[in-house]
Amino acid sequence: MSFVFNWCVYMAILVELRVIPIGTGSTSLSSYVASVINVVRNSGYRYVLGPMGTSIEINSFNDLAKLLNDITGVLRDMNVNRIVIDIAMDIRLDKEISLIDKVKSVEEKLQN
């Protein structure tokens, strides 16, 4: 699915999120991470869960803002009073990109 942003047509924005709840009173964060992943899963976007972050194919900055709002809402409901979110984005202006294509490109180069 594509959308128009100013003068460019984007096919997808690849985003990697790392969500860090602070002040939870525990060294284990997996229950918070699971709740965040449920928000991502329920959004319908393609995603890949990693050990240090989650990569997501998203359609627009507005969709990203809504997703971040939903994530912070779920953590607020879990009584998290402070949240740090690291965001990395890959936006190609010249062609469509996907999470699978990025991994496949590197794997092909490793075989040479």
PDB file of N, CA and C in Angstrom:
ATOM      1  N   MET A   1       0.860  -1.166   0.000  1.00  0.00           N
ATOM      2  CA  MET A   1       0.000   0.000   0.000  1.00  0.00           C
ATOM      3  C   MET A   1       0.907   1.229   0.000  1.00  0.00           C
ATOM      4  N   SER A   2       0.637   2.170  -0.853  1.00  0.00           N
ATOM      5  CA  SER A   2       1.464   3.369  -0.905  1.00  0.00           C
ATOM      6  C   SER A   2       0.655   4.583  -0.464  1.00  0.00           C
ATOM      7  N   PHE A   3       1.357   5.643  -0.116  1.00  0.00           N
ATOM      8  CA  PHE A   3       0.709   6.898   0.218  1.00  0.00           C
ATOM      9  C   PHE A   3       1.604   8.022  -0.267  1.00  0.00           C
ATOM     10  N   VAL A   4       1.043   9.190  -0.390  1.00  0.00           N
ATOM     11  CA  VAL A   4       1.792  10.332  -0.891  1.00  0.00           C
ATOM     12  C   VAL A   4       2.172  11.228   0.276  1.00  0.00           C
ATOM     13  N   PHE A   5       3.443  11.589   0.372  1.00  0.00           N
ATOM     14  CA  PHE A   5       3.940  12.506   1.395  1.00  0.00           C
ATOM     15  C   PHE A   5       4.718  13.577   0.675  1.00  0.00           C
ATOM     16  N   ASN A   6       4.200  14.801   0.639  1.00  0.00           N
ATOM     17  CA  ASN A   6       4.789  15.891  -0.134  1.00  0.00           C
ATOM     18  C   ASN A   6       4.924  15.457  -1.586  1.00  0.00           C
ATOM     19  N   TRP A   7       6.141  15.382  -2.102  1.00  0.00           N
ATOM     20  CA  TRP A   7       6.354  15.099  -3.516  1.00  0.00           C
ATOM     21  C   TRP A   7       6.741  13.662  -3.787  1.00  0.00           C
ATOM     22  N   CYS A   8       6.828  12.829  -2.791  1.00  0.00           N
ATOM     23  CA  CYS A   8       7.328  11.469  -2.965  1.00  0.00           C
ATOM     24  C   CYS A   8       6.221  10.450  -2.728  1.00  0.00           C
ATOM     25  N   VAL A   9       6.364   9.298  -3.370  1.00  0.00           N
ATOM     26  CA  VAL A   9       5.481   8.170  -3.090  1.00  0.00           C
ATOM     27  C   VAL A   9       6.298   7.143  -2.316  1.00  0.00           C
ATOM     28  N   TYR A  10       5.852   6.791  -1.110  1.00  0.00           N
ATOM     29  CA  TYR A  10       6.513   5.807  -0.266  1.00  0.00           C
ATOM     30  C   TYR A  10       5.710   4.522  -0.322  1.00  0.00           C
ATOM     31  N   MET A  11       6.381   3.417  -0.320  1.00  0.00           N
ATOM     32  CA  MET A  11       5.686   2.137  -0.301  1.00  0.00           C
ATOM     33  C   MET A  11       5.570   1.604   1.127  1.00  0.00           C
ATOM     34  N   ALA A  12       6.543   1.882   1.945  1.00  0.00           N
ATOM     35  CA  ALA A  12       6.511   1.476   3.352  1.00  0.00           C
ATOM     36  C   ALA A  12       7.609   2.218   4.087  1.00  0.00           C
ATOM     37  N   ILE A  13       7.398   2.397   5.342  1.00  0.00           N
ATOM     38  CA  ILE A  13       8.422   2.925   6.232  1.00  0.00           C
ATOM     39  C   ILE A  13       8.793   1.776   7.158  1.00  0.00           C
ATOM     40  N   LEU A  14      10.075   1.448   7.195  1.00  0.00           N
ATOM     41  CA  LEU A  14      10.526   0.411   8.114  1.00  0.00           C
ATOM     42  C   LEU A  14      10.939   1.087   9.408  1.00  0.00           C
ATOM     43  N   VAL A  15      10.399   0.607  10.492  1.00  0.00           N
ATOM     44  CA  VAL A  15      10.634   1.203  11.800  1.00  0.00           C
ATOM     45  C   VAL A  15      11.124   0.124  12.745  1.00  0.00           C
ATOM     46  N   GLU A  16      12.140   0.456  13.527  1.00  0.00           N
ATOM     47  CA  GLU A  16      12.514  -0.425  14.625  1.00  0.00           C
ATOM     48  C   GLU A  16      12.261   0.323  15.917  1.00  0.00           C
ATOM     49  N   LEU A  17      11.469  -0.293  16.790  1.00  0.00           N
ATOM     50  CA  LEU A  17      11.121   0.300  18.078  1.00  0.00           C
ATOM     51  C   LEU A  17      11.785  -0.483  19.196  1.00  0.00           C
ATOM     52  N   ARG A  18      12.284   0.260  20.150  1.00  0.00           N
ATOM     53  CA  ARG A  18      12.729  -0.328  21.412  1.00  0.00           C
ATOM     54  C   ARG A  18      12.007   0.459  22.492  1.00  0.00           C
ATOM     55  N   VAL A  19      11.132  -0.217  23.210  1.00  0.00           N
ATOM     56  CA  VAL A  19      10.307   0.407  24.237  1.00  0.00           C
ATOM     57  C   VAL A  19      10.825  -0.053  25.596  1.00  0.00           C
ATOM     58  N   ILE A  20      11.171   0.925  26.437  1.00  0.00           N
ATOM     59  CA  ILE A  20      11.777   0.615  27.722  1.00  0.00           C
ATOM     60  C   ILE A  20      10.935   1.227  28.843  1.00  0.00           C
ATOM     61  N   PRO A  21      10.170   0.395  29.560  1.00  0.00           N
ATOM     62  CA  PRO A  21       9.452   0.905  30.724  1.00  0.00           C
ATOM     63  C   PRO A  21      10.431   1.114  31.878  1.00  0.00           C
ATOM     64  N   ILE A  22      10.335   2.243  32.528  1.00  0.00           N
ATOM     65  CA  ILE A  22      11.259   2.585  33.615  1.00  0.00           C
ATOM     66  C   ILE A  22      10.477   2.664  34.929  1.00  0.00           C
ATOM     67  N   GLY A  23      11.128   2.215  36.006  1.00  0.00           N
ATOM     68  CA  GLY A  23      10.513   2.314  37.329  1.00  0.00           C
ATOM     69  C   GLY A  23       9.452   1.266  37.572  1.00  0.00           C
ATOM     70  N   THR A  24       9.638   0.077  36.991  1.00  0.00           N
ATOM     71  CA  THR A  24       8.632  -0.969  37.159  1.00  0.00           C
ATOM     72  C   THR A  24       8.796  -1.739  38.462  1.00  0.00           C
ATOM     73  N   GLY A  25       9.948  -1.596  39.114  1.00  0.00           N
ATOM     74  CA  GLY A  25      10.181  -2.323  40.352  1.00  0.00           C
ATOM     75  C   GLY A  25      10.670  -3.743  40.133  1.00  0.00           C
ATOM     76  N   SER A  26      10.950  -4.112  38.880  1.00  0.00           N
ATOM     77  CA  SER A  26      11.416  -5.453  38.573  1.00  0.00           C
ATOM     78  C   SER A  26      12.511  -5.383  37.503  1.00  0.00           C
ATOM     79  N   THR A  27      13.412  -6.338  37.547  1.00  0.00           N
ATOM     80  CA  THR A  27      14.419  -6.420  36.493  1.00  0.00           C
ATOM     81  C   THR A  27      13.891  -7.137  35.258  1.00  0.00           C
ATOM     82  N   SER A  28      12.783  -7.838  35.382  1.00  0.00           N
ATOM     83  CA  SER A  28      12.169  -8.535  34.256  1.00  0.00           C
ATOM     84  C   SER A  28      11.150  -7.626  33.575  1.00  0.00           C
ATOM     85  N   LEU A  29      11.302  -7.470  32.271  1.00  0.00           N
ATOM     86  CA  LEU A  29      10.402  -6.605  31.510  1.00  0.00           C
ATOM     87  C   LEU A  29       9.571  -7.375  30.502  1.00  0.00           C
ATOM     88  N   SER A  30       9.681  -8.699  30.475  1.00  0.00           N
ATOM     89  CA  SER A  30       9.029  -9.479  29.426  1.00  0.00           C
ATOM     90  C   SER A  30       7.507  -9.330  29.403  1.00  0.00           C
ATOM     91  N   SER A  31       6.872  -9.151  30.548  1.00  0.00           N
ATOM     92  CA  SER A  31       5.410  -8.980  30.539  1.00  0.00           C
ATOM     93  C   SER A  31       5.032  -7.653  29.887  1.00  0.00           C
ATOM     94  N   TYR A  32       5.852  -6.630  30.070  1.00  0.00           N
ATOM     95  CA  TYR A  32       5.608  -5.343  29.430  1.00  0.00           C
ATOM     96  C   TYR A  32       5.861  -5.442  27.928  1.00  0.00           C
ATOM     97  N   VAL A  33       6.941  -6.131  27.572  1.00  0.00           N
ATOM     98  CA  VAL A  33       7.254  -6.328  26.154  1.00  0.00           C
ATOM     99  C   VAL A  33       6.124  -7.097  25.479  1.00  0.00           C
ATOM    100  N   ALA A  34       5.609  -8.129  26.123  1.00  0.00           N
ATOM    101  CA  ALA A  34       4.508  -8.914  25.546  1.00  0.00           C
ATOM    102  C   ALA A  34       3.275  -8.041  25.318  1.00  0.00           C
ATOM    103  N   SER A  35       2.992  -7.149  26.239  1.00  0.00           N
ATOM    104  CA  SER A  35       1.845  -6.250  26.073  1.00  0.00           C
ATOM    105  C   SER A  35       2.064  -5.303  24.897  1.00  0.00           C
ATOM    106  N   VAL A  36       3.284  -4.813  24.732  1.00  0.00           N
ATOM    107  CA  VAL A  36       3.601  -3.940  23.600  1.00  0.00           C
ATOM    108  C   VAL A  36       3.465  -4.715  22.294  1.00  0.00           C
ATOM    109  N   ILE A  37       3.968  -5.940  22.266  1.00  0.00           N
ATOM    110  CA  ILE A  37       3.873  -6.755  21.048  1.00  0.00           C
ATOM    111  C   ILE A  37       2.419  -7.049  20.709  1.00  0.00           C
ATOM    112  N   ASN A  38       1.573  -7.242  21.706  1.00  0.00           N
ATOM    113  CA  ASN A  38       0.144  -7.432  21.426  1.00  0.00           C
ATOM    114  C   ASN A  38      -0.452  -6.208  20.742  1.00  0.00           C
ATOM    115  N   VAL A  39      -0.027  -5.023  21.139  1.00  0.00           N
ATOM    116  CA  VAL A  39      -0.501  -3.802  20.476  1.00  0.00           C
ATOM    117  C   VAL A  39      -0.050  -3.805  19.019  1.00  0.00           C
ATOM    118  N   VAL A  40       1.220  -4.134  18.789  1.00  0.00           N
ATOM    119  CA  VAL A  40       1.748  -4.169  17.423  1.00  0.00           C
ATOM    120  C   VAL A  40       1.013  -5.226  16.604  1.00  0.00           C
ATOM    121  N   ARG A  41       0.848  -6.413  17.170  1.00  0.00           N
ATOM    122  CA  ARG A  41       0.148  -7.501  16.466  1.00  0.00           C
ATOM    123  C   ARG A  41      -1.280  -7.093  16.104  1.00  0.00           C
ATOM    124  N   ASN A  42      -1.979  -6.481  17.056  1.00  0.00           N
ATOM    125  CA  ASN A  42      -3.364  -6.086  16.810  1.00  0.00           C
ATOM    126  C   ASN A  42      -3.486  -4.941  15.809  1.00  0.00           C
ATOM    127  N   SER A  43      -2.386  -4.229  15.560  1.00  0.00           N
ATOM    128  CA  SER A  43      -2.420  -3.138  14.574  1.00  0.00           C
ATOM    129  C   SER A  43      -2.512  -3.677  13.155  1.00  0.00           C
ATOM    130  N   GLY A  44      -2.111  -4.925  12.957  1.00  0.00           N
ATOM    131  CA  GLY A  44      -2.177  -5.527  11.633  1.00  0.00           C
ATOM    132  C   GLY A  44      -0.938  -5.310  10.784  1.00  0.00           C
ATOM    133  N   TYR A  45       0.048  -4.599  11.285  1.00  0.00           N
ATOM    134  CA  TYR A  45       1.269  -4.368  10.524  1.00  0.00           C
ATOM    135  C   TYR A  45       2.166  -5.589  10.580  1.00  0.00           C
ATOM    136  N   ARG A  46       2.928  -5.798   9.508  1.00  0.00           N
ATOM    137  CA  ARG A  46       3.924  -6.863   9.498  1.00  0.00           C
ATOM    138  C   ARG A  46       5.037  -6.454  10.454  1.00  0.00           C
ATOM    139  N   TYR A  47       5.487  -7.389  11.288  1.00  0.00           N
ATOM    140  CA  TYR A  47       6.529  -7.062  12.264  1.00  0.00           C
ATOM    141  C   TYR A  47       7.424  -8.268  12.498  1.00  0.00           C
ATOM    142  N   VAL A  48       8.611  -7.997  13.016  1.00  0.00           N
ATOM    143  CA  VAL A  48       9.540  -9.043  13.408  1.00  0.00           C
ATOM    144  C   VAL A  48      10.029  -8.694  14.810  1.00  0.00           C
ATOM    145  N   LEU A  49       9.768  -9.580  15.751  1.00  0.00           N
ATOM    146  CA  LEU A  49      10.221  -9.411  17.120  1.00  0.00           C
ATOM    147  C   LEU A  49      11.681  -9.828  17.214  1.00  0.00           C
ATOM    148  N   GLY A  50      12.506  -8.970  17.777  1.00  0.00           N
ATOM    149  CA  GLY A  50      13.913  -9.282  17.979  1.00  0.00           C
ATOM    150  C   GLY A  50      14.239  -9.235  19.461  1.00  0.00           C
ATOM    151  N   PRO A  51      15.428  -9.657  19.839  1.00  0.00           N
ATOM    152  CA  PRO A  51      15.790  -9.699  21.250  1.00  0.00           C
ATOM    153  C   PRO A  51      15.967  -8.317  21.880  1.00  0.00           C
ATOM    154  N   MET A  52      16.231  -7.297  21.069  1.00  0.00           N
ATOM    155  CA  MET A  52      16.492  -5.953  21.597  1.00  0.00           C
ATOM    156  C   MET A  52      15.562  -4.887  21.010  1.00  0.00           C
ATOM    157  N   GLY A  53      14.598  -5.308  20.193  1.00  0.00           N
ATOM    158  CA  GLY A  53      13.684  -4.360  19.577  1.00  0.00           C
ATOM    159  C   GLY A  53      12.761  -5.087  18.615  1.00  0.00           C
ATOM    160  N   THR A  54      11.810  -4.356  18.075  1.00  0.00           N
ATOM    161  CA  THR A  54      10.837  -4.916  17.144  1.00  0.00           C
ATOM    162  C   THR A  54      10.831  -4.082  15.883  1.00  0.00           C
ATOM    163  N   SER A  55      10.961  -4.756  14.733  1.00  0.00           N
ATOM    164  CA  SER A  55      10.919  -4.083  13.441  1.00  0.00           C
ATOM    165  C   SER A  55       9.507  -4.179  12.886  1.00  0.00           C
ATOM    166  N   ILE A  56       9.040  -3.072  12.296  1.00  0.00           N
ATOM    167  CA  ILE A  56       7.656  -2.983  11.836  1.00  0.00           C
ATOM    168  C   ILE A  56       7.629  -2.306  10.476  1.00  0.00           C
ATOM    169  N   GLU A  57       6.794  -2.824   9.558  1.00  0.00           N
ATOM    170  CA  GLU A  57       6.510  -2.148   8.298  1.00  0.00           C
ATOM    171  C   GLU A  57       5.249  -1.326   8.510  1.00  0.00           C
ATOM    172  N   ILE A  58       5.370  -0.028   8.354  1.00  0.00           N
ATOM    173  CA  ILE A  58       4.246   0.859   8.630  1.00  0.00           C
ATOM    174  C   ILE A  58       4.006   1.750   7.413  1.00  0.00           C
ATOM    175  N   ASN A  59       2.814   2.277   7.266  1.00  0.00           N
ATOM    176  CA  ASN A  59       2.450   3.000   6.054  1.00  0.00           C
ATOM    177  C   ASN A  59       2.691   4.497   6.103  1.00  0.00           C
ATOM    178  N   SER A  60       2.642   5.091   7.279  1.00  0.00           N
ATOM    179  CA  SER A  60       2.757   6.549   7.348  1.00  0.00           C
ATOM    180  C   SER A  60       3.212   6.991   8.732  1.00  0.00           C
ATOM    181  N   PHE A  61       3.640   8.225   8.811  1.00  0.00           N
ATOM    182  CA  PHE A  61       4.018   8.802  10.098  1.00  0.00           C
ATOM    183  C   PHE A  61       2.796   8.910  11.009  1.00  0.00           C
ATOM    184  N   ASN A  62       1.633   9.156  10.435  1.00  0.00           N
ATOM    185  CA  ASN A  62       0.404   9.206  11.241  1.00  0.00           C
ATOM    186  C   ASN A  62       0.114   7.847  11.866  1.00  0.00           C
ATOM    187  N   ASP A  63       0.323   6.776  11.094  1.00  0.00           N
ATOM    188  CA  ASP A  63       0.118   5.426  11.636  1.00  0.00           C
ATOM    189  C   ASP A  63       1.111   5.140  12.754  1.00  0.00           C
ATOM    190  N   LEU A  64       2.343   5.597  12.579  1.00  0.00           N
ATOM    191  CA  LEU A  64       3.349   5.420  13.630  1.00  0.00           C
ATOM    192  C   LEU A  64       2.942   6.168  14.894  1.00  0.00           C
ATOM    193  N   ALA A  65       2.458   7.386  14.736  1.00  0.00           N
ATOM    194  CA  ALA A  65       2.026   8.170  15.900  1.00  0.00           C
ATOM    195  C   ALA A  65       0.890   7.469  16.632  1.00  0.00           C
ATOM    196  N   LYS A  66      -0.060   6.913  15.892  1.00  0.00           N
ATOM    197  CA  LYS A  66      -1.170   6.191  16.530  1.00  0.00           C
ATOM    198  C   LYS A  66      -0.659   4.959  17.262  1.00  0.00           C
ATOM    199  N   LEU A  67       0.260   4.226  16.626  1.00  0.00           N
ATOM    200  CA  LEU A  67       0.821   3.034  17.263  1.00  0.00           C
ATOM    201  C   LEU A  67       1.542   3.399  18.553  1.00  0.00           C
ATOM    202  N   LEU A  68       2.344   4.457  18.532  1.00  0.00           N
ATOM    203  CA  LEU A  68       3.054   4.896  19.741  1.00  0.00           C
ATOM    204  C   LEU A  68       2.075   5.318  20.828  1.00  0.00           C
ATOM    205  N   ASN A  69       1.003   5.986  20.436  1.00  0.00           N
ATOM    206  CA  ASN A  69      -0.021   6.383  21.401  1.00  0.00           C
ATOM    207  C   ASN A  69      -0.676   5.151  22.033  1.00  0.00           C
ATOM    208  N   ASP A  70      -0.971   4.152  21.210  1.00  0.00           N
ATOM    209  CA  ASP A  70      -1.577   2.920  21.732  1.00  0.00           C
ATOM    210  C   ASP A  70      -0.618   2.181  22.672  1.00  0.00           C
ATOM    211  N   ILE A  71       0.664   2.153  22.312  1.00  0.00           N
ATOM    212  CA  ILE A  71       1.667   1.491  23.152  1.00  0.00           C
ATOM    213  C   ILE A  71       1.779   2.191  24.506  1.00  0.00           C
ATOM    214  N   THR A  72       1.871   3.504  24.489  1.00  0.00           N
ATOM    215  CA  THR A  72       1.997   4.212  25.763  1.00  0.00           C
ATOM    216  C   THR A  72       0.728   4.075  26.598  1.00  0.00           C
ATOM    217  N   GLY A  73      -0.410   3.986  25.941  1.00  0.00           N
ATOM    218  CA  GLY A  73      -1.662   3.790  26.672  1.00  0.00           C
ATOM    219  C   GLY A  73      -1.706   2.456  27.392  1.00  0.00           C
ATOM    220  N   VAL A  74      -1.256   1.407  26.727  1.00  0.00           N
ATOM    221  CA  VAL A  74      -1.232   0.081  27.351  1.00  0.00           C
ATOM    222  C   VAL A  74      -0.271   0.068  28.535  1.00  0.00           C
ATOM    223  N   LEU A  75       0.898   0.670  28.367  1.00  0.00           N
ATOM    224  CA  LEU A  75       1.855   0.706  29.475  1.00  0.00           C
ATOM    225  C   LEU A  75       1.365   1.579  30.623  1.00  0.00           C
ATOM    226  N   ARG A  76       0.672   2.660  30.296  1.00  0.00           N
ATOM    227  CA  ARG A  76       0.075   3.497  31.346  1.00  0.00           C
ATOM    228  C   ARG A  76      -0.930   2.671  32.142  1.00  0.00           C
ATOM    229  N   ASP A  77      -1.722   1.851  31.446  1.00  0.00           N
ATOM    230  CA  ASP A  77      -2.692   0.987  32.128  1.00  0.00           C
ATOM    231  C   ASP A  77      -2.013  -0.055  33.011  1.00  0.00           C
ATOM    232  N   MET A  78      -0.738  -0.345  32.740  1.00  0.00           N
ATOM    233  CA  MET A  78       0.041  -1.281  33.567  1.00  0.00           C
ATOM    234  C   MET A  78       0.806  -0.536  34.660  1.00  0.00           C
ATOM    235  N   ASN A  79       0.437   0.725  34.882  1.00  0.00           N
ATOM    236  CA  ASN A  79       1.027   1.574  35.924  1.00  0.00           C
ATOM    237  C   ASN A  79       2.499   1.916  35.693  1.00  0.00           C
ATOM    238  N   VAL A  80       2.900   1.986  34.431  1.00  0.00           N
ATOM    239  CA  VAL A  80       4.244   2.450  34.094  1.00  0.00           C
ATOM    240  C   VAL A  80       4.171   3.972  33.989  1.00  0.00           C
ATOM    241  N   ASN A  81       4.989   4.655  34.776  1.00  0.00           N
ATOM    242  CA  ASN A  81       4.942   6.112  34.820  1.00  0.00           C
ATOM    243  C   ASN A  81       5.993   6.794  33.956  1.00  0.00           C
ATOM    244  N   ARG A  82       6.941   6.008  33.430  1.00  0.00           N
ATOM    245  CA  ARG A  82       7.967   6.585  32.562  1.00  0.00           C
ATOM    246  C   ARG A  82       8.326   5.559  31.493  1.00  0.00           C
ATOM    247  N   ILE A  83       8.410   6.023  30.240  1.00  0.00           N
ATOM    248  CA  ILE A  83       8.681   5.137  29.110  1.00  0.00           C
ATOM    249  C   ILE A  83       9.714   5.811  28.214  1.00  0.00           C
ATOM    250  N   VAL A  84      10.757   5.067  27.872  1.00  0.00           N
ATOM    251  CA  VAL A  84      11.729   5.532  26.888  1.00  0.00           C
ATOM    252  C   VAL A  84      11.486   4.728  25.614  1.00  0.00           C
ATOM    253  N   ILE A  85      11.400   5.433  24.472  1.00  0.00           N
ATOM    254  CA  ILE A  85      11.192   4.758  23.195  1.00  0.00           C
ATOM    255  C   ILE A  85      12.280   5.210  22.226  1.00  0.00           C
ATOM    256  N   ASP A  86      13.071   4.240  21.760  1.00  0.00           N
ATOM    257  CA  ASP A  86      14.060   4.493  20.713  1.00  0.00           C
ATOM    258  C   ASP A  86      13.432   4.103  19.383  1.00  0.00           C
ATOM    259  N   ILE A  87      13.580   4.966  18.378  1.00  0.00           N
ATOM    260  CA  ILE A  87      13.007   4.717  17.066  1.00  0.00           C
ATOM    261  C   ILE A  87      14.083   4.879  16.001  1.00  0.00           C
ATOM    262  N   ALA A  88      14.214   3.868  15.153  1.00  0.00           N
ATOM    263  CA  ALA A  88      15.057   3.959  13.959  1.00  0.00           C
ATOM    264  C   ALA A  88      14.139   3.748  12.760  1.00  0.00           C
ATOM    265  N   MET A  89      14.319   4.554  11.712  1.00  0.00           N
ATOM    266  CA  MET A  89      13.463   4.435  10.528  1.00  0.00           C
ATOM    267  C   MET A  89      14.304   4.326   9.269  1.00  0.00           C
ATOM    268  N   ASP A  90      13.815   3.538   8.330  1.00  0.00           N
ATOM    269  CA  ASP A  90      14.405   3.423   7.001  1.00  0.00           C
ATOM    270  C   ASP A  90      13.325   3.795   6.004  1.00  0.00           C
ATOM    271  N   ILE A  91      13.556   4.889   5.296  1.00  0.00           N
ATOM    272  CA  ILE A  91      12.577   5.385   4.329  1.00  0.00           C
ATOM    273  C   ILE A  91      13.275   5.480   2.981  1.00  0.00           C
ATOM    274  N   ARG A  92      12.889   4.627   2.045  1.00  0.00           N
ATOM    275  CA  ARG A  92      13.468   4.670   0.703  1.00  0.00           C
ATOM    276  C   ARG A  92      12.577   5.521  -0.181  1.00  0.00           C
ATOM    277  N   LEU A  93      13.169   6.431  -0.886  1.00  0.00           N
ATOM    278  CA  LEU A  93      12.426   7.295  -1.793  1.00  0.00           C
ATOM    279  C   LEU A  93      12.407   6.745  -3.213  1.00  0.00           C
ATOM    280  N   ASP A  94      13.290   5.787  -3.504  1.00  0.00           N
ATOM    281  CA  ASP A  94      13.437   5.327  -4.882  1.00  0.00           C
ATOM    282  C   ASP A  94      12.781   3.989  -5.178  1.00  0.00           C
ATOM    283  N   LYS A  95      12.426   3.208  -4.150  1.00  0.00           N
ATOM    284  CA  LYS A  95      11.802   1.914  -4.408  1.00  0.00           C
ATOM    285  C   LYS A  95      11.104   1.401  -3.163  1.00  0.00           C
ATOM    286  N   GLU A  96      10.248   0.401  -3.386  1.00  0.00           N
ATOM    287  CA  GLU A  96       9.543  -0.245  -2.285  1.00  0.00           C
ATOM    288  C   GLU A  96      10.528  -1.082  -1.475  1.00  0.00           C
ATOM    289  N   ILE A  97      10.343  -1.090  -0.164  1.00  0.00           N
ATOM    290  CA  ILE A  97      11.193  -1.885   0.714  1.00  0.00           C
ATOM    291  C   ILE A  97      10.333  -2.691   1.674  1.00  0.00           C
ATOM    292  N   SER A  98      10.913  -3.767   2.179  1.00  0.00           N
ATOM    293  CA  SER A  98      10.234  -4.563   3.200  1.00  0.00           C
ATOM    294  C   SER A  98      11.280  -5.126   4.140  1.00  0.00           C
ATOM    295  N   LEU A  99      10.847  -5.567   5.284  1.00  0.00           N
ATOM    296  CA  LEU A  99      11.758  -6.191   6.244  1.00  0.00           C
ATOM    297  C   LEU A  99      12.409  -7.425   5.639  1.00  0.00           C
ATOM    298  N   ILE A 100      11.620  -8.220   4.945  1.00  0.00           N
ATOM    299  CA  ILE A 100      12.124  -9.457   4.336  1.00  0.00           C
ATOM    300  C   ILE A 100      13.184  -9.136   3.285  1.00  0.00           C
ATOM    301  N   ASP A 101      12.940  -8.112   2.451  1.00  0.00           N
ATOM    302  CA  ASP A 101      13.896  -7.747   1.401  1.00  0.00           C
ATOM    303  C   ASP A 101      15.236  -7.310   1.987  1.00  0.00           C
ATOM    304  N   LYS A 102      15.210  -6.580   3.086  1.00  0.00           N
ATOM    305  CA  LYS A 102      16.462  -6.119   3.698  1.00  0.00           C
ATOM    306  C   LYS A 102      17.296  -7.296   4.197  1.00  0.00           C
ATOM    307  N   VAL A 103      16.660  -8.254   4.834  1.00  0.00           N
ATOM    308  CA  VAL A 103      17.373  -9.428   5.337  1.00  0.00           C
ATOM    309  C   VAL A 103      17.867 -10.269   4.168  1.00  0.00           C
ATOM    310  N   LYS A 104      17.021 -10.474   3.162  1.00  0.00           N
ATOM    311  CA  LYS A 104      17.401 -11.268   2.005  1.00  0.00           C
ATOM    312  C   LYS A 104      18.600 -10.671   1.282  1.00  0.00           C
ATOM    313  N   SER A 105      18.673  -9.359   1.182  1.00  0.00           N
ATOM    314  CA  SER A 105      19.791  -8.691   0.517  1.00  0.00           C
ATOM    315  C   SER A 105      21.111  -9.003   1.209  1.00  0.00           C
ATOM    316  N   VAL A 106      21.118  -8.957   2.513  1.00  0.00           N
ATOM    317  CA  VAL A 106      22.348  -9.259   3.263  1.00  0.00           C
ATOM    318  C   VAL A 106      22.697 -10.741   3.142  1.00  0.00           C
ATOM    319  N   GLU A 107      21.704 -11.613   3.251  1.00  0.00           N
ATOM    320  CA  GLU A 107      21.965 -13.053   3.158  1.00  0.00           C
ATOM    321  C   GLU A 107      22.538 -13.413   1.793  1.00  0.00           C
ATOM    322  N   GLU A 108      22.060 -12.779   0.725  1.00  0.00           N
ATOM    323  CA  GLU A 108      22.595 -13.043  -0.612  1.00  0.00           C
ATOM    324  C   GLU A 108      24.066 -12.641  -0.702  1.00  0.00           C
ATOM    325  N   LYS A 109      24.421 -11.522  -0.091  1.00  0.00           N
ATOM    326  CA  LYS A 109      25.802 -11.076  -0.112  1.00  0.00           C
ATOM    327  C   LYS A 109      26.699 -11.989   0.715  1.00  0.00           C
ATOM    328  N   LEU A 110      26.174 -12.585   1.761  1.00  0.00           N
ATOM    329  CA  LEU A 110      26.943 -13.518   2.575  1.00  0.00           C
ATOM    330  C   LEU A 110      27.267 -14.803   1.823  1.00  0.00           C
ATOM    331  N   GLN A 111      26.436 -15.172   0.859  1.00  0.00           N
ATOM    332  CA  GLN A 111      26.662 -16.398   0.090  1.00  0.00           C
ATOM    333  C   GLN A 111      27.727 -16.218  -0.989  1.00  0.00           C
ATOM    334  N   ASN A 112      28.071 -14.991  -1.311  1.00  0.00           N
ATOM    335  CA  ASN A 112      29.080 -14.740  -2.369  1.00  0.00           C
ATOM    336  C   ASN A 112      30.475 -14.782  -1.819  1.00  0.00           C
TER     337      ASN A 112
END
